[in-house]
Amino acid sequence: MEVRCATLSRIRDNRGRISISLKNVTGALPLRKASSTAYMTETPNTLINLLIAYGAVQAFFLAFILYRAKAESLFNRLFALLLLVEGFTLFERLLFESGWIESVPHILGIAYPLSFLKPPLLLLMAIAITDRSFRIHRKIYLHFIPFGLMFLMNVPFFFQSGAEKLAQIQAFMEKVPTYDSFEFYFFLSFFVYIGGYIFWSLQQLNRFRQQVINNALVNWYRLILLVYSGFLVLHLLYFLLQPLGQWNFALINQVSMLAMTFIIQAIAFKLIDRSTLLTTKPPDLRDLSQRAEAEKRIIAQFEEDRIHLADDLDLQGFAEKIALPPAQVSQIINQKYNYSFKKLVAKYRVEAAKEIIRNANGSKVKLIDVAFQAGFNNKVSFYRAFKEFEQISPSAYLESVKK
């Protein structure tokens, strides 16, 4: 307790940044003095604080926008809650880095248990954008048990005085973990915890993308998770090497906050660049078996019956042949292959034309005859489609086969 009071008195005497106080503390520790002096200088700290402040404000603003979006979806509400958690974490870190935390020390420690909300929120967001019928029910709250436990474990810390909190946090920031300490494996378990949820979320999104590959919101959220995963892996590597390098928590916490700030900026850019993300609705995939059967019937017409060889094929006639509504046929083709019906037909016709050319075995081939046999009704559409899918003309393809 005497050490903590001495540390705190130095903070109060300086009445400046806690980073100055940290340099004074680390000055007595030869192993960390040089590294602390290197990155805890006034100008870099000012820039870092500005970036963290901007990220915190941006997170709160985006949370407000998502909550007030016209498309009131569960995903938007969950995303808003996640951004609030990240925003408050950045805000608390900003207060600590700038030294302003001395004025409001009682809010210290609130962000830590809140971080245990993030993993289940990431998963629930993935489910919300891939299952239109998903609703929050009682079993879902089981995912928040770790948050509840961490909150209860931190209750004694919440009731400490401001001076005790500041001293304890400062000691934590300067502490170097060891492989034989409980704290090392406790923090390592958090990486496993959040990593498991991210993997679970990506699995949910990938299952959806097996049916629908062009949903903007799903693809964007998947990219965010992959970027977040990359950052998490780097953070984990740093954490695992900390005991070997005798590095403290201060540097990695700064890097963490900056990384989260940049991710929030990426989210802000995408929301501004693609405002439709807030209104995109996932297709109804509740009956996947029925949808899979419809897909098989559609593909069978091309693969087995070779219906695309008929030059008068249209969407209405195709839909009648497989007893499905034209709108459903068009939707499935668009979501599965990211093609319109006409474009999918053209693709199969190009494949048929290539097959005819290859089977000619070097004999003289008239490309106009190939076009008609493949289902095209004129030379212009044949050449245009062939060039689009193969990046070469039919005549160039013919010459390459002859060689």
Protein backbone atom coordinates (compact mmCIF):
# COMPACT_ATOMS: atom_id res chain seq x y z
CA MET A 1 0.00 0.00 0.00
CA GLU A 2 2.92 2.37 0.72
CA VAL A 3 4.27 1.86 -2.81
CA ARG A 4 0.90 2.71 -4.31
CA CYS A 5 0.60 5.93 -2.29
CA ALA A 6 4.11 7.01 -3.28
CA THR A 7 3.31 6.40 -6.94
CA LEU A 8 0.09 8.37 -6.69
CA SER A 9 1.76 11.30 -4.96
CA ARG A 10 4.12 11.66 -7.90
CA ILE A 11 1.13 11.82 -10.22
CA ARG A 12 -0.45 14.57 -8.17
CA ASP A 13 2.74 16.57 -7.79
CA ASN A 14 3.38 16.56 -11.52
CA ARG A 15 -0.25 17.36 -12.30
CA GLY A 16 0.52 16.46 -15.88
CA ARG A 17 0.27 13.34 -17.94
CA ILE A 18 0.37 9.93 -16.37
CA SER A 19 2.95 9.10 -18.99
CA ILE A 20 5.38 11.44 -17.22
CA SER A 21 4.71 9.62 -14.00
CA LEU A 22 5.24 6.29 -15.70
CA LYS A 23 8.66 7.41 -16.90
CA ASN A 24 9.61 8.33 -13.38
CA VAL A 25 8.50 4.94 -12.13
CA THR A 26 10.23 3.00 -14.86
CA GLY A 27 13.37 5.02 -14.38
CA ALA A 28 14.07 2.86 -11.37
CA LEU A 29 13.80 -0.26 -13.49
CA PRO A 30 16.85 -0.59 -15.77
CA LEU A 31 15.27 -3.27 -17.97
CA ARG A 32 12.48 -0.98 -19.12
CA LYS A 33 13.87 2.50 -18.87
CA ALA A 34 15.10 2.83 -22.46
CA SER A 35 11.94 1.45 -24.06
CA SER A 36 9.67 3.65 -21.91
CA THR A 37 11.61 6.77 -22.79
CA ALA A 38 11.49 5.88 -26.49
CA TYR A 39 7.76 5.91 -26.94
CA MET A 40 6.49 8.05 -24.04
CA THR A 41 7.43 11.47 -25.37
CA GLU A 42 5.11 14.40 -25.45
CA THR A 43 4.51 14.80 -29.20
CA PRO A 44 3.74 11.14 -30.02
CA ASN A 45 1.49 10.94 -26.96
CA THR A 46 -0.44 14.01 -28.09
CA LEU A 47 -0.97 12.53 -31.55
CA ILE A 48 -1.99 9.15 -30.11
CA ASN A 49 -4.44 10.81 -27.74
CA LEU A 50 -5.99 12.80 -30.59
CA LEU A 51 -6.44 9.64 -32.65
CA ILE A 52 -7.94 7.73 -29.72
CA ALA A 53 -10.27 10.65 -28.94
CA TYR A 54 -11.40 10.78 -32.56
CA GLY A 55 -12.03 7.03 -32.54
CA ALA A 56 -14.09 7.24 -29.35
CA VAL A 57 -16.24 10.10 -30.65
CA GLN A 58 -16.67 8.32 -33.98
CA ALA A 59 -17.75 5.11 -32.23
CA PHE A 60 -20.41 6.94 -30.21
CA PHE A 61 -21.60 8.78 -33.31
CA LEU A 62 -21.85 5.61 -35.40
CA ALA A 63 -23.72 3.88 -32.58
CA PHE A 64 -26.25 6.73 -32.61
CA ILE A 65 -26.62 6.55 -36.41
CA LEU A 66 -27.14 2.79 -36.35
CA TYR A 67 -29.65 2.99 -33.53
CA ARG A 68 -31.64 5.68 -35.35
CA ALA A 69 -31.41 4.03 -38.80
CA LYS A 70 -34.70 3.73 -40.67
CA ALA A 71 -34.15 0.02 -41.15
CA GLU A 72 -34.71 -1.04 -37.55
CA SER A 73 -32.95 -4.37 -37.58
CA LEU A 74 -31.54 -6.50 -34.79
CA PHE A 75 -28.13 -6.33 -36.47
CA ASN A 76 -28.11 -2.52 -36.30
CA ARG A 77 -29.00 -2.56 -32.60
CA LEU A 78 -26.34 -5.14 -31.78
CA PHE A 79 -23.77 -3.27 -33.84
CA ALA A 80 -24.65 -0.04 -32.03
CA LEU A 81 -24.12 -1.77 -28.68
CA LEU A 82 -20.73 -3.12 -29.82
CA LEU A 83 -19.62 0.35 -30.90
CA LEU A 84 -20.72 1.79 -27.56
CA VAL A 85 -18.54 -0.77 -25.79
CA GLU A 86 -15.58 0.04 -28.02
CA GLY A 87 -16.21 3.77 -27.67
CA PHE A 88 -16.26 3.63 -23.89
CA THR A 89 -13.09 1.50 -23.87
CA LEU A 90 -11.33 4.09 -26.03
CA PHE A 91 -12.68 6.92 -23.87
CA GLU A 92 -11.40 5.36 -20.64
CA ARG A 93 -8.02 4.73 -22.24
CA LEU A 94 -7.90 8.35 -23.44
CA LEU A 95 -8.50 9.62 -19.91
CA PHE A 96 -5.66 7.45 -18.63
CA GLU A 97 -3.20 8.39 -21.38
CA SER A 98 -3.89 12.13 -21.07
CA GLY A 99 -3.85 12.27 -17.27
CA TRP A 100 -7.45 13.52 -17.10
CA ILE A 101 -8.36 10.33 -15.28
CA GLU A 102 -7.14 12.04 -12.08
CA SER A 103 -10.27 14.19 -12.23
CA VAL A 104 -12.64 11.22 -12.61
CA PRO A 105 -10.78 8.18 -11.24
CA HIS A 106 -13.98 6.43 -10.20
CA ILE A 107 -14.85 5.40 -13.77
CA LEU A 108 -11.62 3.37 -14.00
CA GLY A 109 -12.18 -0.34 -14.50
CA ILE A 110 -15.65 -0.16 -16.04
CA ALA A 111 -14.37 -0.88 -19.56
CA TYR A 112 -12.65 -4.13 -18.58
CA PRO A 113 -15.74 -6.26 -17.84
CA LEU A 114 -17.48 -4.60 -20.81
CA SER A 115 -14.87 -6.17 -23.08
CA PHE A 116 -16.45 -9.56 -22.28
CA LEU A 117 -19.60 -8.39 -24.07
CA LYS A 118 -17.80 -8.20 -27.41
CA PRO A 119 -17.40 -11.91 -28.26
CA PRO A 120 -21.11 -12.86 -27.95
CA LEU A 121 -22.13 -9.63 -29.69
CA LEU A 122 -19.95 -10.53 -32.68
CA LEU A 123 -21.67 -13.91 -32.95
CA LEU A 124 -25.19 -12.55 -32.51
CA MET A 125 -24.53 -9.99 -35.24
CA ALA A 126 -23.45 -12.79 -37.60
CA ILE A 127 -26.63 -14.73 -36.86
CA ALA A 128 -28.82 -11.64 -37.18
CA ILE A 129 -27.71 -10.90 -40.76
CA THR A 130 -27.95 -14.51 -41.93
CA ASP A 131 -31.26 -15.49 -40.33
CA ARG A 132 -34.18 -13.11 -40.76
CA SER A 133 -36.26 -14.99 -38.18
CA PHE A 134 -33.62 -14.77 -35.44
CA ARG A 135 -34.73 -13.17 -32.18
CA ILE A 136 -33.10 -12.81 -28.78
CA HIS A 137 -34.45 -15.51 -26.42
CA ARG A 138 -33.59 -16.76 -22.96
CA LYS A 139 -30.89 -19.23 -23.99
CA ILE A 140 -29.02 -16.44 -25.76
CA TYR A 141 -28.32 -14.82 -22.40
CA LEU A 142 -26.12 -17.79 -21.48
CA HIS A 143 -23.49 -16.27 -23.77
CA PHE A 144 -23.23 -13.33 -21.38
CA ILE A 145 -22.34 -15.39 -18.30
CA PRO A 146 -18.59 -14.55 -18.63
CA PHE A 147 -19.48 -10.86 -18.64
CA GLY A 148 -21.59 -11.31 -15.52
CA LEU A 149 -18.81 -13.19 -13.74
CA MET A 150 -16.18 -10.59 -14.64
CA PHE A 151 -18.48 -7.81 -13.49
CA LEU A 152 -18.97 -9.50 -10.10
CA MET A 153 -15.24 -10.15 -9.77
CA ASN A 154 -14.56 -6.44 -10.33
CA VAL A 155 -17.16 -5.15 -7.86
CA PRO A 156 -14.53 -4.78 -5.06
CA PHE A 157 -12.38 -2.72 -7.43
CA PHE A 158 -15.32 -0.43 -8.23
CA PHE A 159 -15.64 0.47 -4.53
CA GLN A 160 -11.98 1.36 -4.09
CA SER A 161 -10.99 4.98 -3.71
CA GLY A 162 -9.78 6.94 -6.68
CA ALA A 163 -6.24 6.95 -5.34
CA GLU A 164 -6.20 3.16 -4.95
CA LYS A 165 -7.59 2.66 -8.44
CA LEU A 166 -4.98 4.91 -10.05
CA ALA A 167 -2.13 3.24 -8.21
CA GLN A 168 -3.37 -0.26 -9.05
CA ILE A 169 -3.86 0.52 -12.75
CA GLN A 170 -0.45 2.14 -12.98
CA ALA A 171 1.18 -0.90 -11.39
CA PHE A 172 -0.66 -3.13 -13.86
CA MET A 173 0.52 -1.11 -16.86
CA GLU A 174 4.14 -1.44 -15.76
CA LYS A 175 3.88 -5.12 -14.91
CA VAL A 176 5.66 -7.63 -17.13
CA PRO A 177 3.82 -11.01 -17.16
CA THR A 178 5.71 -14.24 -16.54
CA TYR A 179 4.98 -17.73 -17.79
CA ASP A 180 4.50 -19.02 -14.25
CA SER A 181 1.98 -16.36 -13.17
CA PHE A 182 -1.77 -16.85 -12.95
CA GLU A 183 -2.40 -13.51 -14.65
CA PHE A 184 -0.59 -14.66 -17.82
CA TYR A 185 -2.88 -17.66 -18.33
CA PHE A 186 -5.96 -15.74 -17.27
CA PHE A 187 -5.37 -13.14 -19.98
CA LEU A 188 -4.45 -15.90 -22.42
CA SER A 189 -7.87 -17.46 -21.81
CA PHE A 190 -9.47 -14.24 -23.05
CA PHE A 191 -7.75 -14.65 -26.41
CA VAL A 192 -9.18 -18.18 -26.60
CA TYR A 193 -12.59 -16.84 -25.58
CA ILE A 194 -12.84 -14.10 -28.18
CA GLY A 195 -11.04 -16.18 -30.83
CA GLY A 196 -13.57 -18.98 -30.44
CA TYR A 197 -16.46 -16.59 -30.93
CA ILE A 198 -14.88 -15.00 -33.99
CA PHE A 199 -14.32 -18.45 -35.51
CA TRP A 200 -17.95 -19.36 -34.72
CA SER A 201 -19.13 -16.12 -36.34
CA LEU A 202 -17.08 -16.72 -39.49
CA GLN A 203 -18.47 -20.26 -39.75
CA GLN A 204 -22.00 -18.83 -39.58
CA LEU A 205 -21.23 -16.34 -42.35
CA ASN A 206 -19.47 -18.93 -44.53
CA ARG A 207 -22.45 -21.30 -44.34
CA PHE A 208 -24.65 -18.45 -45.53
CA ARG A 209 -22.24 -17.58 -48.36
CA GLN A 210 -22.49 -21.13 -49.68
CA GLN A 211 -26.04 -20.18 -50.68
CA VAL A 212 -25.67 -16.43 -51.25
CA ILE A 213 -22.31 -15.00 -52.28
CA ASN A 214 -23.27 -11.40 -53.14
CA ASN A 215 -24.97 -10.12 -49.98
CA ALA A 216 -23.17 -6.80 -49.38
CA LEU A 217 -23.72 -6.68 -45.64
CA VAL A 218 -22.60 -10.28 -45.02
CA ASN A 219 -19.48 -9.89 -47.16
CA TRP A 220 -18.59 -6.60 -45.49
CA TYR A 221 -19.05 -7.93 -41.97
CA ARG A 222 -17.00 -11.01 -42.84
CA LEU A 223 -14.17 -8.74 -44.00
CA ILE A 224 -14.35 -6.78 -40.73
CA LEU A 225 -14.07 -10.02 -38.76
CA LEU A 226 -11.09 -11.19 -40.82
CA VAL A 227 -9.28 -7.89 -40.26
CA TYR A 228 -10.11 -8.04 -36.56
CA SER A 229 -8.81 -11.62 -36.47
CA GLY A 230 -5.51 -10.55 -38.01
CA PHE A 231 -5.09 -7.85 -35.41
CA LEU A 232 -5.99 -10.33 -32.66
CA VAL A 233 -3.33 -12.78 -33.85
CA LEU A 234 -0.66 -10.05 -33.78
CA HIS A 235 -1.81 -9.02 -30.31
CA LEU A 236 -1.60 -12.64 -29.17
CA LEU A 237 1.94 -13.04 -30.52
CA TYR A 238 3.03 -9.92 -28.66
CA PHE A 239 1.41 -11.20 -25.47
CA LEU A 240 3.10 -14.60 -25.76
CA LEU A 241 6.50 -12.99 -26.28
CA GLN A 242 6.13 -10.40 -23.51
CA PRO A 243 7.88 -12.45 -20.80
CA LEU A 244 10.84 -13.07 -23.11
CA GLY A 245 11.23 -9.45 -24.18
CA GLN A 246 10.43 -7.96 -20.77
CA TRP A 247 7.83 -5.66 -22.37
CA ASN A 248 5.10 -4.11 -20.28
CA PHE A 249 1.41 -3.66 -21.09
CA ALA A 250 1.60 0.06 -21.88
CA LEU A 251 2.84 -0.22 -25.45
CA ILE A 252 0.48 -2.97 -26.57
CA ASN A 253 -2.47 -1.13 -25.04
CA GLN A 254 -1.62 1.94 -27.08
CA VAL A 255 -1.31 -0.16 -30.23
CA SER A 256 -4.60 -1.89 -29.42
CA MET A 257 -6.44 1.38 -29.05
CA LEU A 258 -4.98 2.73 -32.30
CA ALA A 259 -5.91 -0.44 -34.16
CA MET A 260 -9.47 -0.24 -32.88
CA THR A 261 -9.60 3.43 -33.86
CA PHE A 262 -8.59 2.57 -37.43
CA ILE A 263 -11.16 -0.25 -37.60
CA ILE A 264 -13.86 2.17 -36.46
CA GLN A 265 -12.77 4.62 -39.17
CA ALA A 266 -13.04 1.82 -41.74
CA ILE A 267 -16.56 1.10 -40.52
CA ALA A 268 -17.45 4.79 -40.75
CA PHE A 269 -16.10 5.01 -44.30
CA LYS A 270 -18.07 1.97 -45.41
CA LEU A 271 -21.29 3.22 -43.85
CA ILE A 272 -20.89 6.52 -45.66
CA ASP A 273 -19.74 4.93 -48.91
CA ARG A 274 -22.43 2.25 -48.91
CA SER A 275 -25.45 3.64 -47.13
CA THR A 276 -27.44 0.66 -48.42
CA LEU A 277 -25.70 -1.44 -45.78
CA LEU A 278 -28.14 -0.03 -43.25
CA THR A 279 -31.15 -1.14 -45.27
CA THR A 280 -29.97 -4.47 -46.72
CA LYS A 281 -32.21 -7.35 -45.68
CA PRO A 282 -31.02 -10.96 -45.76
CA PRO A 283 -32.97 -13.40 -47.93
CA ASP A 284 -35.24 -15.84 -46.19
CA LEU A 285 -33.22 -19.07 -45.89
CA ARG A 286 -35.24 -20.73 -43.14
CA ASP A 287 -36.03 -23.75 -45.31
CA LEU A 288 -32.61 -24.56 -46.70
CA SER A 289 -33.62 -28.04 -47.84
CA GLN A 290 -36.38 -26.62 -50.03
CA ARG A 291 -34.03 -24.03 -51.46
CA ALA A 292 -31.35 -26.66 -52.15
CA GLU A 293 -33.92 -28.72 -54.04
CA ALA A 294 -34.85 -25.69 -56.15
CA GLU A 295 -31.16 -25.10 -56.93
CA LYS A 296 -30.75 -28.72 -58.05
CA ARG A 297 -33.72 -28.42 -60.40
CA ILE A 298 -32.32 -25.24 -61.91
CA ILE A 299 -28.82 -26.65 -62.44
CA ALA A 300 -30.16 -29.95 -63.77
CA GLN A 301 -31.81 -28.08 -66.63
CA PHE A 302 -28.42 -26.76 -67.69
CA GLU A 303 -26.16 -29.66 -66.82
CA GLU A 304 -28.38 -32.58 -67.81
CA ASP A 305 -31.14 -31.33 -70.14
CA ARG A 306 -28.88 -28.65 -71.72
CA ILE A 307 -31.84 -26.34 -72.02
CA HIS A 308 -29.55 -23.41 -72.87
CA LEU A 309 -29.06 -24.81 -76.39
CA ALA A 310 -32.58 -23.65 -77.27
CA ASP A 311 -32.26 -20.21 -78.87
CA ASP A 312 -35.74 -19.12 -77.73
CA LEU A 313 -35.12 -19.78 -74.02
CA ASP A 314 -36.42 -17.11 -71.66
CA LEU A 315 -36.96 -16.80 -67.90
CA GLN A 316 -40.71 -17.33 -68.05
CA GLY A 317 -40.47 -20.53 -70.06
CA PHE A 318 -37.61 -21.83 -67.92
CA ALA A 319 -39.55 -21.18 -64.70
CA GLU A 320 -42.63 -22.95 -66.05
CA LYS A 321 -40.55 -25.96 -67.00
CA ILE A 322 -39.27 -26.46 -63.44
CA ALA A 323 -42.53 -25.32 -61.78
CA LEU A 324 -41.05 -22.39 -59.87
CA PRO A 325 -42.02 -18.70 -59.87
CA PRO A 326 -39.81 -16.63 -62.23
CA ALA A 327 -38.94 -14.24 -59.41
CA GLN A 328 -37.69 -17.11 -57.25
CA VAL A 329 -35.61 -18.55 -60.10
CA SER A 330 -34.04 -15.15 -60.75
CA GLN A 331 -33.36 -14.59 -57.04
CA ILE A 332 -31.69 -17.96 -56.52
CA ILE A 333 -29.47 -17.55 -59.60
CA ASN A 334 -28.51 -14.03 -58.57
CA GLN A 335 -27.69 -14.98 -54.97
CA LYS A 336 -25.96 -18.26 -55.79
CA TYR A 337 -23.89 -17.20 -58.78
CA ASN A 338 -24.11 -13.39 -58.78
CA TYR A 339 -25.49 -13.61 -62.36
CA SER A 340 -28.74 -12.62 -63.97
CA PHE A 341 -30.70 -15.41 -65.69
CA LYS A 342 -29.58 -14.20 -69.12
CA LYS A 343 -25.95 -14.06 -68.09
CA LEU A 344 -26.03 -17.59 -66.68
CA VAL A 345 -27.57 -18.86 -69.92
CA ALA A 346 -24.87 -17.05 -71.90
CA LYS A 347 -22.16 -18.63 -69.76
CA TYR A 348 -23.46 -22.14 -70.41
CA ARG A 349 -23.78 -21.39 -74.11
CA VAL A 350 -20.15 -20.24 -74.23
CA GLU A 351 -19.11 -23.50 -72.56
CA ALA A 352 -21.15 -25.41 -75.13
CA ALA A 353 -19.47 -23.48 -77.96
CA LYS A 354 -16.01 -24.30 -76.56
CA GLU A 355 -16.98 -27.96 -76.38
CA ILE A 356 -18.14 -27.95 -80.03
CA ILE A 357 -14.88 -26.35 -81.15
CA ARG A 358 -12.77 -28.83 -79.21
CA ASN A 359 -14.73 -31.80 -80.56
CA ALA A 360 -14.17 -30.67 -84.15
CA ASN A 361 -10.71 -32.36 -83.98
CA GLY A 362 -9.07 -29.91 -86.34
CA SER A 363 -11.73 -30.12 -89.06
CA LYS A 364 -12.97 -26.94 -90.66
CA VAL A 365 -15.33 -25.08 -88.34
CA LYS A 366 -17.60 -22.16 -89.12
CA LEU A 367 -18.02 -20.03 -86.04
CA ILE A 368 -21.51 -18.90 -87.04
CA ASP A 369 -22.57 -22.55 -87.09
CA VAL A 370 -20.97 -23.02 -83.67
CA ALA A 371 -22.93 -20.03 -82.36
CA PHE A 372 -26.27 -21.43 -83.58
CA GLN A 373 -25.54 -24.92 -82.22
CA ALA A 374 -24.67 -23.44 -78.81
CA GLY A 375 -27.98 -21.59 -78.61
CA PHE A 376 -27.00 -18.09 -79.75
CA ASN A 377 -29.27 -16.61 -82.39
CA ASN A 378 -26.77 -14.14 -83.87
CA LYS A 379 -23.04 -13.68 -84.30
CA VAL A 380 -22.82 -10.41 -82.34
CA SER A 381 -24.22 -11.80 -79.08
CA PHE A 382 -22.00 -14.90 -79.50
CA TYR A 383 -18.81 -12.86 -79.87
CA ARG A 384 -19.76 -10.48 -77.04
CA ALA A 385 -20.53 -13.29 -74.57
CA PHE A 386 -17.46 -15.32 -75.55
CA LYS A 387 -15.16 -12.32 -75.05
CA GLU A 388 -16.78 -11.50 -71.70
CA PHE A 389 -16.29 -14.95 -70.20
CA GLU A 390 -13.06 -16.06 -71.90
CA GLN A 391 -11.30 -12.70 -72.46
CA ILE A 392 -10.49 -13.79 -76.03
CA SER A 393 -12.53 -13.92 -79.22
CA PRO A 394 -14.04 -17.18 -80.56
CA SER A 395 -11.67 -17.08 -83.53
CA ALA A 396 -8.64 -16.73 -81.22
CA TYR A 397 -9.90 -19.65 -79.15
CA LEU A 398 -10.35 -21.70 -82.33
CA GLU A 399 -6.76 -20.99 -83.37
CA SER A 400 -5.46 -21.98 -79.92
CA VAL A 401 -7.30 -25.31 -80.12
CA LYS A 402 -5.87 -26.03 -83.56
CA LYS A 403 -2.34 -25.57 -82.22
